[in-house]
C-alpha atoms as a PDB file:
ATOM      1  CA  MET A   1      83.667 189.261 143.617  1.00  0.00           C
ATOM      2  CA  GLU A   2      80.518 188.238 141.664  1.00  0.00           C
ATOM      3  CA  GLU A   3      81.200 184.570 142.506  1.00  0.00           C
ATOM      4  CA  LEU A   4      81.527 185.425 146.210  1.00  0.00           C
ATOM      5  CA  ALA A   5      78.272 187.364 146.075  1.00  0.00           C
ATOM      6  CA  GLU A   6      76.510 184.380 144.448  1.00  0.00           C
ATOM      7  CA  ASP A   7      77.869 182.023 147.128  1.00  0.00           C
ATOM      8  CA  ASP A   8      76.709 184.376 149.882  1.00  0.00           C
ATOM      9  CA  ILE A   9      73.252 184.685 148.369  1.00  0.00           C
ATOM     10  CA  ASP A  10      73.016 180.879 147.989  1.00  0.00           C
ATOM     11  CA  ILE A  11      73.771 180.468 151.693  1.00  0.00           C
ATOM     12  CA  LEU A  12      71.308 183.155 152.697  1.00  0.00           C
ATOM     13  CA  ASN A  13      68.588 181.907 150.337  1.00  0.00           C
ATOM     14  CA  HIS A  14      68.994 178.392 151.712  1.00  0.00           C
ATOM     15  CA  GLU A  15      68.412 179.595 155.264  1.00  0.00           C
ATOM     16  CA  LYS A  16      65.579 181.820 154.057  1.00  0.00           C
ATOM     17  CA  ALA A  17      63.886 178.803 152.435  1.00  0.00           C
ATOM     18  CA  ASP A  18      64.107 176.960 155.755  1.00  0.00           C
ATOM     19  CA  ASN A  19      62.410 179.929 157.394  1.00  0.00           C
ATOM     20  CA  TYR A  20      59.582 179.806 154.824  1.00  0.00           C
ATOM     21  CA  GLN A  21      59.051 176.129 155.597  1.00  0.00           C
ATOM     22  CA  ARG A  22      58.656 176.964 159.264  1.00  0.00           C
ATOM     23  CA  GLN A  23      56.104 179.668 158.401  1.00  0.00           C
ATOM     24  CA  ASP A  24      54.106 177.204 156.255  1.00  0.00           C
ATOM     25  CA  GLY A  25      53.552 175.100 159.340  1.00  0.00           C
ATOM     26  CA  GLN A  26      55.991 172.296 158.576  1.00  0.00           C
ATOM     27  CA  PHE A  27      57.565 170.798 161.633  1.00  0.00           C
ATOM     28  CA  PRO A  28      61.212 171.993 161.796  1.00  0.00           C
ATOM     29  CA  ILE A  29      63.873 169.331 161.733  1.00  0.00           C
ATOM     30  CA  PRO A  30      65.929 169.531 164.932  1.00  0.00           C
ATOM     31  CA  VAL A  31      69.287 171.142 164.310  1.00  0.00           C
ATOM     32  CA  SER A  32      72.307 169.885 166.192  1.00  0.00           C
ATOM     33  CA  SER A  33      74.580 172.295 168.027  1.00  0.00           C
ATOM     34  CA  GLU A  34      77.430 171.624 165.577  1.00  0.00           C
ATOM     35  CA  GLU A  35      75.210 172.331 162.552  1.00  0.00           C
ATOM     36  CA  SER A  36      73.919 175.499 164.173  1.00  0.00           C
ATOM     37  CA  VAL A  37      77.452 176.722 164.833  1.00  0.00           C
ATOM     38  CA  ALA A  38      78.425 175.956 161.218  1.00  0.00           C
ATOM     39  CA  SER A  39      75.367 177.792 159.917  1.00  0.00           C
ATOM     40  CA  HIS A  40      76.095 180.719 162.212  1.00  0.00           C
ATOM     41  CA  PHE A  41      79.722 180.795 161.053  1.00  0.00           C
ATOM     42  CA  ALA A  42      78.564 180.872 157.407  1.00  0.00           C
ATOM     43  CA  LEU A  43      76.329 183.842 158.191  1.00  0.00           C
ATOM     44  CA  VAL A  44      79.145 185.687 159.953  1.00  0.00           C
ATOM     45  CA  THR A  45      81.435 184.994 156.979  1.00  0.00           C
ATOM     46  CA  ALA A  46      78.811 186.367 154.577  1.00  0.00           C
ATOM     47  CA  TYR A  47      78.390 189.455 156.749  1.00  0.00           C
ATOM     48  CA  GLU A  48      82.141 190.108 156.864  1.00  0.00           C
ATOM     49  CA  ASP A  49      82.259 189.859 153.069  1.00  0.00           C
ATOM     50  CA  ILE A  50      79.379 192.350 152.777  1.00  0.00           C
ATOM     51  CA  LYS A  51      81.133 194.741 155.147  1.00  0.00           C
ATOM     52  CA  LYS A  52      84.324 194.425 153.082  1.00  0.00           C
ATOM     53  CA  ARG A  53      82.399 195.208 149.897  1.00  0.00           C
ATOM     54  CA  LEU A  54      80.846 198.251 151.543  1.00  0.00           C
ATOM     55  CA  LYS A  55      84.289 199.625 152.432  1.00  0.00           C
ATOM     56  CA  GLU A  56      85.441 199.034 148.846  1.00  0.00           C
ATOM     57  CA  THR A  57      82.329 200.788 147.566  1.00  0.00           C
ATOM     58  CA  GLU A  58      82.952 203.778 149.829  1.00  0.00           C
ATOM     59  CA  ARG A  59      86.492 204.079 148.461  1.00  0.00           C
ATOM     60  CA  GLU A  60      85.135 203.819 144.927  1.00  0.00           C
ATOM     61  CA  ASN A  61      82.515 206.486 145.658  1.00  0.00           C
ATOM     62  CA  SER A  62      85.219 208.798 146.973  1.00  0.00           C
ATOM     63  CA  PHE A  63      87.226 208.302 143.786  1.00  0.00           C
ATOM     64  CA  LEU A  64      84.169 209.004 141.623  1.00  0.00           C
ATOM     65  CA  LYS A  65      83.432 212.212 143.541  1.00  0.00           C
ATOM     66  CA  LYS A  66      86.995 213.407 142.976  1.00  0.00           C
ATOM     67  CA  ARG A  67      86.679 212.529 139.299  1.00  0.00           C
ATOM     68  CA  VAL A  68      83.519 214.647 138.958  1.00  0.00           C
ATOM     69  CA  ARG A  69      85.157 217.606 140.706  1.00  0.00           C
ATOM     70  CA  LEU A  70      88.221 217.364 138.448  1.00  0.00           C
ATOM     71  CA  LEU A  71      86.026 217.411 135.351  1.00  0.00           C
ATOM     72  CA  GLU A  72      84.206 220.497 136.575  1.00  0.00           C
ATOM     73  CA  GLU A  73      87.459 222.253 137.428  1.00  0.00           C
ATOM     74  CA  LYS A  74      88.858 221.490 133.977  1.00  0.00           C
ATOM     75  CA  LEU A  75      85.699 222.853 132.419  1.00  0.00           C
ATOM     76  CA  LEU A  76      85.832 226.069 134.461  1.00  0.00           C
ATOM     77  CA  GLU A  77      89.525 226.556 133.676  1.00  0.00           C
ATOM     78  CA  SER A  78      88.787 226.140 129.981  1.00  0.00           C
ATOM     79  CA  HIS A  79      86.009 228.732 130.201  1.00  0.00           C
ATOM     80  CA  LEU A  80      88.221 231.269 132.004  1.00  0.00           C
ATOM     81  CA  GLU A  81      91.065 230.837 129.520  1.00  0.00           C
ATOM     82  CA  GLU A  82      88.732 231.371 126.587  1.00  0.00           C
ATOM     83  CA  GLU A  83      87.204 234.468 128.140  1.00  0.00           C
ATOM     84  CA  ALA A  84      90.611 235.981 128.968  1.00  0.00           C
ATOM     85  CA  SER A  85      92.083 235.429 125.502  1.00  0.00           C
ATOM     86  CA  SER A  86      88.896 236.449 123.627  1.00  0.00           C
ATOM     87  CA  VAL A  87      88.886 233.272 121.566  1.00  0.00           C
ATOM     88  CA  GLY A  88      86.454 232.781 118.721  1.00  0.00           C
ATOM     89  CA  ARG A  89      83.198 230.860 118.499  1.00  0.00           C
ATOM     90  CA  GLU A  90      84.984 227.663 117.509  1.00  0.00           C
ATOM     91  CA  GLN A  91      86.804 227.473 120.832  1.00  0.00           C
ATOM     92  CA  VAL A  92      83.603 228.285 122.689  1.00  0.00           C
ATOM     93  CA  ASN A  93      81.862 225.437 120.892  1.00  0.00           C
ATOM     94  CA  LYS A  94      84.661 223.069 121.826  1.00  0.00           C
ATOM     95  CA  ALA A  95      84.406 224.106 125.449  1.00  0.00           C
ATOM     96  CA  TYR A  96      80.651 223.661 125.362  1.00  0.00           C
ATOM     97  CA  GLN A  97      81.082 220.212 123.845  1.00  0.00           C
ATOM     98  CA  ALA A  98      83.438 219.367 126.684  1.00  0.00           C
ATOM     99  CA  TYR A  99      80.772 220.590 129.082  1.00  0.00           C
ATOM    100  CA  ARG A 100      78.164 218.330 127.505  1.00  0.00           C
ATOM    101  CA  GLU A 101      80.514 215.377 127.725  1.00  0.00           C
ATOM    102  CA  SER A 102      81.148 216.105 131.392  1.00  0.00           C
ATOM    103  CA  CYS A 103      77.374 216.184 131.965  1.00  0.00           C
ATOM    104  CA  ILE A 104      77.022 212.794 130.321  1.00  0.00           C
ATOM    105  CA  GLU A 105      79.834 211.365 132.390  1.00  0.00           C
ATOM    106  CA  ARG A 106      78.319 212.881 135.528  1.00  0.00           C
ATOM    107  CA  ASP A 107      74.998 211.188 134.772  1.00  0.00           C
ATOM    108  CA  ASN A 108      76.780 207.888 134.219  1.00  0.00           C
ATOM    109  CA  LEU A 109      78.605 208.253 137.520  1.00  0.00           C
ATOM    110  CA  LYS A 110      75.334 209.053 139.276  1.00  0.00           C
ATOM    111  CA  SER A 111      73.736 205.919 137.819  1.00  0.00           C
ATOM    112  CA  GLN A 112      76.687 203.844 138.937  1.00  0.00           C
ATOM    113  CA  LEU A 113      76.522 205.291 142.458  1.00  0.00           C
ATOM    114  CA  ASP A 114      72.782 204.667 142.664  1.00  0.00           C
ATOM    115  CA  LYS A 115      73.235 201.078 141.531  1.00  0.00           C
ATOM    116  CA  THR A 116      75.991 200.462 144.065  1.00  0.00           C
ATOM    117  CA  MET A 117      73.973 201.922 146.927  1.00  0.00           C
ATOM    118  CA  LYS A 118      70.935 199.866 145.948  1.00  0.00           C
ATOM    119  CA  GLU A 119      72.977 196.658 145.916  1.00  0.00           C
ATOM    120  CA  ASN A 120      74.427 197.386 149.350  1.00  0.00           C
ATOM    121  CA  MET A 121      71.001 198.128 150.791  1.00  0.00           C
ATOM    122  CA  GLU A 122      69.743 194.823 149.383  1.00  0.00           C
ATOM    123  CA  TYR A 123      72.618 193.025 151.124  1.00  0.00           C
ATOM    124  CA  VAL A 124      71.667 194.655 154.416  1.00  0.00           C
ATOM    125  CA  LYS A 125      68.023 193.707 153.907  1.00  0.00           C
ATOM    126  CA  ILE A 126      68.960 190.068 153.337  1.00  0.00           C
ATOM    127  CA  LEU A 127      71.222 190.118 156.371  1.00  0.00           C
ATOM    128  CA  ASN A 128      68.411 191.477 158.542  1.00  0.00           C
ATOM    129  CA  GLU A 129      66.140 188.674 157.390  1.00  0.00           C
ATOM    130  CA  GLN A 130      68.798 186.098 158.208  1.00  0.00           C
ATOM    131  CA  LEU A 131      69.340 187.610 161.643  1.00  0.00           C
ATOM    132  CA  GLN A 132      65.666 187.117 162.371  1.00  0.00           C
ATOM    133  CA  SER A 133      65.935 183.549 161.148  1.00  0.00           C
ATOM    134  CA  LYS A 134      68.953 182.950 163.401  1.00  0.00           C
ATOM    135  CA  GLU A 135      67.003 184.227 166.396  1.00  0.00           C
ATOM    136  CA  VAL A 136      64.291 181.657 165.714  1.00  0.00           C
ATOM    137  CA  GLU A 137      66.925 178.973 165.228  1.00  0.00           C
ATOM    138  CA  LEU A 138      68.591 179.898 168.505  1.00  0.00           C
ATOM    139  CA  LEU A 139      65.266 179.615 170.305  1.00  0.00           C
ATOM    140  CA  GLN A 140      64.700 176.175 168.813  1.00  0.00           C
ATOM    141  CA  LEU A 141      68.202 175.100 169.764  1.00  0.00           C
ATOM    142  CA  ARG A 142      67.652 176.244 173.340  1.00  0.00           C
ATOM    143  CA  THR A 143      64.448 174.197 173.493  1.00  0.00           C
ATOM    144  CA  GLU A 144      66.260 171.184 172.063  1.00  0.00           C
ATOM    145  CA  VAL A 145      69.080 171.466 174.597  1.00  0.00           C
ATOM    146  CA  GLU A 146      66.647 171.759 177.483  1.00  0.00           C
ATOM    147  CA  THR A 147      64.820 168.666 176.246  1.00  0.00           C
ATOM    148  CA  GLN A 148      68.090 166.739 175.978  1.00  0.00           C
ATOM    149  CA  GLN A 149      69.020 167.787 179.487  1.00  0.00           C
ATOM    150  CA  VAL A 150      65.767 166.399 180.840  1.00  0.00           C
ATOM    151  CA  MET A 151      66.270 163.119 178.972  1.00  0.00           C
ATOM    152  CA  LYS A 152      69.863 162.778 180.162  1.00  0.00           C
ATOM    153  CA  SER A 153      68.827 163.436 183.739  1.00  0.00           C
ATOM    154  CA  PHE A 154      66.987 160.100 183.666  1.00  0.00           C
ATOM    155  CA  ASN A 155      69.829 158.157 182.037  1.00  0.00           C
ATOM    156  CA  SER A 156      73.003 159.486 183.645  1.00  0.00           C
ATOM    157  CA  ASN A 157      74.412 160.144 187.068  1.00  0.00           C
ATOM    158  CA  PRO A 158      74.107 163.654 188.563  1.00  0.00           C
ATOM    159  CA  SER A 159      77.731 164.632 187.956  1.00  0.00           C
ATOM    160  CA  ASN A 160      77.634 163.850 184.223  1.00  0.00           C
ATOM    161  CA  TRP A 161      74.279 165.560 183.912  1.00  0.00           C
ATOM    162  CA  GLU A 162      75.625 168.741 185.512  1.00  0.00           C
ATOM    163  CA  ILE A 163      78.627 168.760 183.161  1.00  0.00           C
ATOM    164  CA  ASP A 164      76.409 168.351 180.097  1.00  0.00           C
ATOM    165  CA  LYS A 165      74.136 171.078 181.360  1.00  0.00           C
ATOM    166  CA  LEU A 166      77.008 173.512 181.893  1.00  0.00           C
ATOM    167  CA  ASN A 167      78.455 172.767 178.447  1.00  0.00           C
ATOM    168  CA  SER A 168      75.090 173.312 176.792  1.00  0.00           C
ATOM    169  CA  GLU A 169      74.474 176.546 178.668  1.00  0.00           C
ATOM    170  CA  LEU A 170      77.935 177.803 177.753  1.00  0.00           C
ATOM    171  CA  LYS A 171      77.379 177.009 174.086  1.00  0.00           C
ATOM    172  CA  LEU A 172      74.027 178.789 174.097  1.00  0.00           C
ATOM    173  CA  HIS A 173      75.528 181.786 175.865  1.00  0.00           C
ATOM    174  CA  ASN A 174      78.309 182.090 173.284  1.00  0.00           C
ATOM    175  CA  LEU A 175      75.810 181.875 170.438  1.00  0.00           C
ATOM    176  CA  GLU A 176      73.692 184.587 172.017  1.00  0.00           C
ATOM    177  CA  LEU A 177      76.718 186.855 172.399  1.00  0.00           C
ATOM    178  CA  ASP A 178      77.726 186.327 168.766  1.00  0.00           C
ATOM    179  CA  LEU A 179      74.193 186.985 167.591  1.00  0.00           C
ATOM    180  CA  GLU A 180      73.938 190.189 169.620  1.00  0.00           C
ATOM    181  CA  LYS A 181      77.273 191.429 168.295  1.00  0.00           C
ATOM    182  CA  LEU A 182      76.213 190.678 164.733  1.00  0.00           C
ATOM    183  CA  ARG A 183      72.908 192.488 165.285  1.00  0.00           C
ATOM    184  CA  GLU A 184      74.683 195.604 166.570  1.00  0.00           C
ATOM    185  CA  GLU A 185      77.093 195.637 163.633  1.00  0.00           C
ATOM    186  CA  CYS A 186      74.192 195.228 161.225  1.00  0.00           C
ATOM    187  CA  ASN A 187      72.396 198.214 162.758  1.00  0.00           C
ATOM    188  CA  HIS A 188      75.582 200.274 162.530  1.00  0.00           C
ATOM    189  CA  LEU A 189      76.027 199.281 158.895  1.00  0.00           C
ATOM    190  CA  ARG A 190      72.434 200.261 158.108  1.00  0.00           C
ATOM    191  CA  LYS A 191      72.951 203.712 159.676  1.00  0.00           C
ATOM    192  CA  GLU A 192      76.172 204.238 157.716  1.00  0.00           C
ATOM    193  CA  LEU A 193      74.394 203.313 154.497  1.00  0.00           C
ATOM    194  CA  GLN A 194      71.630 205.807 155.254  1.00  0.00           C
ATOM    195  CA  LYS A 195      74.182 208.556 155.879  1.00  0.00           C
ATOM    196  CA  SER A 196      75.931 207.672 152.626  1.00  0.00           C
ATOM    197  CA  VAL A 197      72.651 207.844 150.684  1.00  0.00           C
ATOM    198  CA  GLU A 198      71.836 211.275 152.145  1.00  0.00           C
ATOM    199  CA  SER A 199      75.361 212.504 151.430  1.00  0.00           C
ATOM    200  CA  GLN A 200      75.177 211.295 147.821  1.00  0.00           C
ATOM    201  CA  GLY A 201      71.839 213.067 147.351  1.00  0.00           C
ATOM    202  CA  SER A 202      73.239 216.378 148.611  1.00  0.00           C
ATOM    203  CA  LEU A 203      76.350 216.035 146.454  1.00  0.00           C
ATOM    204  CA  ILE A 204      74.382 215.296 143.296  1.00  0.00           C
ATOM    205  CA  ASN A 205      71.993 218.212 143.891  1.00  0.00           C
ATOM    206  CA  GLY A 206      74.945 220.559 144.389  1.00  0.00           C
ATOM    207  CA  GLU A 207      76.596 219.299 141.207  1.00  0.00           C
ATOM    208  CA  LEU A 208      73.374 219.791 139.246  1.00  0.00           C
ATOM    209  CA  ILE A 209      73.067 223.438 140.341  1.00  0.00           C
ATOM    210  CA  GLN A 210      76.705 224.102 139.491  1.00  0.00           C
ATOM    211  CA  GLN A 211      76.336 222.505 136.053  1.00  0.00           C
ATOM    212  CA  GLN A 212      73.265 224.651 135.353  1.00  0.00           C
ATOM    213  CA  ASN A 213      75.218 227.795 136.237  1.00  0.00           C
ATOM    214  CA  ILE A 214      78.036 226.766 133.900  1.00  0.00           C
ATOM    215  CA  HIS A 215      75.515 226.130 131.135  1.00  0.00           C
ATOM    216  CA  ARG A 216      74.026 229.622 131.488  1.00  0.00           C
ATOM    217  CA  ASN A 217      77.494 231.178 131.296  1.00  0.00           C
ATOM    218  CA  PHE A 218      78.258 229.321 128.078  1.00  0.00           C
ATOM    219  CA  VAL A 219      74.961 230.371 126.529  1.00  0.00           C
ATOM    220  CA  LYS A 220      75.909 234.025 127.101  1.00  0.00           C
ATOM    221  CA  LEU A 221      79.087 233.502 125.077  1.00  0.00           C
ATOM    222  CA  LEU A 222      77.278 232.082 122.056  1.00  0.00           C
END
């Protein structure tokens, strides 16, 4: 998965470097329709891989949440058993040690979740930048096609010129549809990430309050 991520970032960074060259005032090298389609296909492939990773991350987050809840339930069960059987201080200390370990594991899980969410948000940020770059590229391609149509109108008969024009317009239309679809999916992905971040924040705050309550109960037993 790390190799795929590096490949995706190489592709995106390459297109991003081209965009920087355009901003520096360098004259852009005309891109052929075939190269544009290949570049667009590479971007779509990178996006699909990002979306797949996001789904895997969501499944992993769900598993981690269940793991945290199981640890808390085990801790509460241990506390209730000790209280019911009037066990000694040694058992209370063991239970408290288990509580501390669960707190440490919870903090580790929180760090892992935060890292995963940050990585996914970075992927979306890069994708947004590449979408903007593709919009500029599409505009340049449209200008190039229109220029070629004018040139061919002087060197070919009307029937061939009309066919070339229709083919070019169809290709541009398909690229615009693909770009619009990709933009909508990117916006949807960004909203889902935002919801996930808010949900994680609420979950962690709730877990922190519950852990504090458990800690106070253990202190009373000591």
